[in-house]
Structure formats: C-alpha cells, structure tokens
Amino acid sequence: MVISHPLSLYINSPRNGNISSSFPVYDGDEILISTNKGRVIRVAVKEIRTAGRNTQGVRIIKLTGEEKVVSADKIDDNLV
C-alpha cells in the first residue's frame, strides 16, 4: 500500500492490516518490496496511481496465505 499523506492520518485497519513502511517518494523513484516468502518486486513510483484521502491506499503486491511484507525501500532516481 502506498500512502501519499502524513502517516498520522492513518491507523492500522482490520481490512488492510498493519502499515509496514512509510517514506516520501518522487515520480523518478522506484520502490523495492520484499516478503517473508522470498518474493521481491520493483515498482516505479510514476506507475502507481494516486489515491484520495478517503481511500485505504493502493495495492502494490497481492499477498498469499500467511505471506507478509518484511521490507519496503525507496530507490532514488539519481542512483539508477
């Protein structure tokens, strides 16, 4: 889930679970997400749609069963 508002506006929800990470990003950046099952995805921030304030975020990865996100990191556009 990518949230483009201050984290203080959000709480963990039964529907979406815990917020695993939050950091500022820019259109040229990419996000690297990894799970406890060994899956890793890399997503360009400009490919992620913006969600409104009243939504519960945008799904970046669909988890299966007991799979959980264990890390989410930003890859700065000046490092690529």
C-alpha atoms as a PDB file:
ATOM      1  CA  MET A   1       0.000   0.000   0.000  1.00  0.00           C
ATOM      2  CA  VAL A   2       1.366   3.398  -0.925  1.00  0.00           C
ATOM      3  CA  ILE A   3       0.116   6.335   1.090  1.00  0.00           C
ATOM      4  CA  SER A   4       0.771   9.869  -0.069  1.00  0.00           C
ATOM      5  CA  HIS A   5      -0.418  11.632   3.092  1.00  0.00           C
ATOM      6  CA  PRO A   6       1.062  12.037   6.591  1.00  0.00           C
ATOM      7  CA  LEU A   7       1.170   8.709   8.415  1.00  0.00           C
ATOM      8  CA  SER A   8      -0.558  10.332  11.405  1.00  0.00           C
ATOM      9  CA  LEU A   9      -3.794  10.414   9.363  1.00  0.00           C
ATOM     10  CA  TYR A  10      -3.865   6.613   9.128  1.00  0.00           C
ATOM     11  CA  ILE A  11      -4.386   3.774  11.543  1.00  0.00           C
ATOM     12  CA  ASN A  12      -3.916   0.054  11.092  1.00  0.00           C
ATOM     13  CA  SER A  13      -7.178  -1.386   9.806  1.00  0.00           C
ATOM     14  CA  PRO A  14      -8.656  -4.869  10.074  1.00  0.00           C
ATOM     15  CA  ARG A  15      -9.235  -4.825   6.307  1.00  0.00           C
ATOM     16  CA  ASN A  16      -5.688  -3.931   5.257  1.00  0.00           C
ATOM     17  CA  GLY A  17      -3.621  -4.913   8.286  1.00  0.00           C
ATOM     18  CA  ASN A  18      -0.621  -3.071   9.661  1.00  0.00           C
ATOM     19  CA  ILE A  19       1.221  -0.294   7.866  1.00  0.00           C
ATOM     20  CA  SER A  20       4.639  -1.794   7.202  1.00  0.00           C
ATOM     21  CA  SER A  21       6.505   1.245   5.917  1.00  0.00           C
ATOM     22  CA  SER A  22       6.113   4.897   5.053  1.00  0.00           C
ATOM     23  CA  PHE A  23       8.532   7.265   3.321  1.00  0.00           C
ATOM     24  CA  PRO A  24       8.411  10.209   0.909  1.00  0.00           C
ATOM     25  CA  VAL A  25       8.871   9.393  -2.778  1.00  0.00           C
ATOM     26  CA  TYR A  26       9.142  11.301  -6.056  1.00  0.00           C
ATOM     27  CA  ASP A  27       7.998  10.387  -9.580  1.00  0.00           C
ATOM     28  CA  GLY A  28      11.510   9.347 -10.647  1.00  0.00           C
ATOM     29  CA  ASP A  29      11.990   6.957  -7.698  1.00  0.00           C
ATOM     30  CA  GLU A  30      11.270   3.242  -7.530  1.00  0.00           C
ATOM     31  CA  ILE A  31      10.088   1.094  -4.622  1.00  0.00           C
ATOM     32  CA  LEU A  32      11.522  -2.323  -3.764  1.00  0.00           C
ATOM     33  CA  ILE A  33       9.188  -4.562  -1.729  1.00  0.00           C
ATOM     34  CA  SER A  34      10.118  -7.982  -0.313  1.00  0.00           C
ATOM     35  CA  THR A  35       8.065 -10.625   1.505  1.00  0.00           C
ATOM     36  CA  ASN A  36       8.811 -13.322   4.063  1.00  0.00           C
ATOM     37  CA  LYS A  37       8.267 -15.901   1.281  1.00  0.00           C
ATOM     38  CA  GLY A  38      11.173 -14.531  -0.764  1.00  0.00           C
ATOM     39  CA  ARG A  39       9.212 -12.568  -3.359  1.00  0.00           C
ATOM     40  CA  VAL A  40      10.668  -9.219  -4.385  1.00  0.00           C
ATOM     41  CA  ILE A  41       9.106  -6.641  -6.686  1.00  0.00           C
ATOM     42  CA  ARG A  42      10.416  -3.355  -8.007  1.00  0.00           C
ATOM     43  CA  VAL A  43       7.858  -0.710  -8.981  1.00  0.00           C
ATOM     44  CA  ALA A  44       8.322   2.748 -10.493  1.00  0.00           C
ATOM     45  CA  VAL A  45       6.526   5.371  -8.383  1.00  0.00           C
ATOM     46  CA  LYS A  46       5.176   7.020 -11.535  1.00  0.00           C
ATOM     47  CA  GLU A  47       3.334   3.736 -12.309  1.00  0.00           C
ATOM     48  CA  ILE A  48       1.398   3.868  -9.001  1.00  0.00           C
ATOM     49  CA  ARG A  49      -1.908   5.700  -9.140  1.00  0.00           C
ATOM     50  CA  THR A  50      -2.601   8.409  -6.580  1.00  0.00           C
ATOM     51  CA  ALA A  51      -5.284   7.600  -4.008  1.00  0.00           C
ATOM     52  CA  GLY A  52      -7.620  10.108  -2.456  1.00  0.00           C
ATOM     53  CA  ARG A  53      -7.589  10.965   1.237  1.00  0.00           C
ATOM     54  CA  ASN A  54     -10.691   8.879   1.989  1.00  0.00           C
ATOM     55  CA  THR A  55      -9.326   5.676   0.438  1.00  0.00           C
ATOM     56  CA  GLN A  56      -7.331   2.940   2.144  1.00  0.00           C
ATOM     57  CA  GLY A  57      -4.329   3.123  -0.175  1.00  0.00           C
ATOM     58  CA  VAL A  58      -3.209   1.388  -3.342  1.00  0.00           C
ATOM     59  CA  ARG A  59      -2.298  -2.301  -3.501  1.00  0.00           C
ATOM     60  CA  ILE A  60       1.245  -2.768  -4.785  1.00  0.00           C
ATOM     61  CA  ILE A  61       1.582  -6.517  -4.194  1.00  0.00           C
ATOM     62  CA  LYS A  62      -1.064  -9.187  -3.621  1.00  0.00           C
ATOM     63  CA  LEU A  63      -0.020 -11.411  -0.738  1.00  0.00           C
ATOM     64  CA  THR A  64      -0.912 -15.083  -0.485  1.00  0.00           C
ATOM     65  CA  GLY A  65      -1.871 -17.009   2.660  1.00  0.00           C
ATOM     66  CA  GLU A  66       0.485 -16.176   5.522  1.00  0.00           C
ATOM     67  CA  GLU A  67       2.795 -14.059   3.331  1.00  0.00           C
ATOM     68  CA  LYS A  68       3.785 -10.709   4.833  1.00  0.00           C
ATOM     69  CA  VAL A  69       5.762  -7.698   3.629  1.00  0.00           C
ATOM     70  CA  VAL A  70       9.068  -7.650   5.511  1.00  0.00           C
ATOM     71  CA  SER A  71      10.686  -4.628   3.880  1.00  0.00           C
ATOM     72  CA  ALA A  72       9.958  -1.717   1.579  1.00  0.00           C
ATOM     73  CA  ASP A  73      12.740   0.578   0.379  1.00  0.00           C
ATOM     74  CA  LYS A  74      12.985   3.551  -1.916  1.00  0.00           C
ATOM     75  CA  ILE A  75      15.461   3.525  -4.798  1.00  0.00           C
ATOM     76  CA  ASP A  76      16.304   7.179  -5.561  1.00  0.00           C
ATOM     77  CA  ASP A  77      16.158   8.203  -9.214  1.00  0.00           C
ATOM     78  CA  ASN A  78      19.737   9.503  -9.035  1.00  0.00           C
ATOM     79  CA  LEU A  79      21.033   6.013  -8.148  1.00  0.00           C
ATOM     80  CA  VAL A  80      19.571   4.232 -11.180  1.00  0.00           C
END
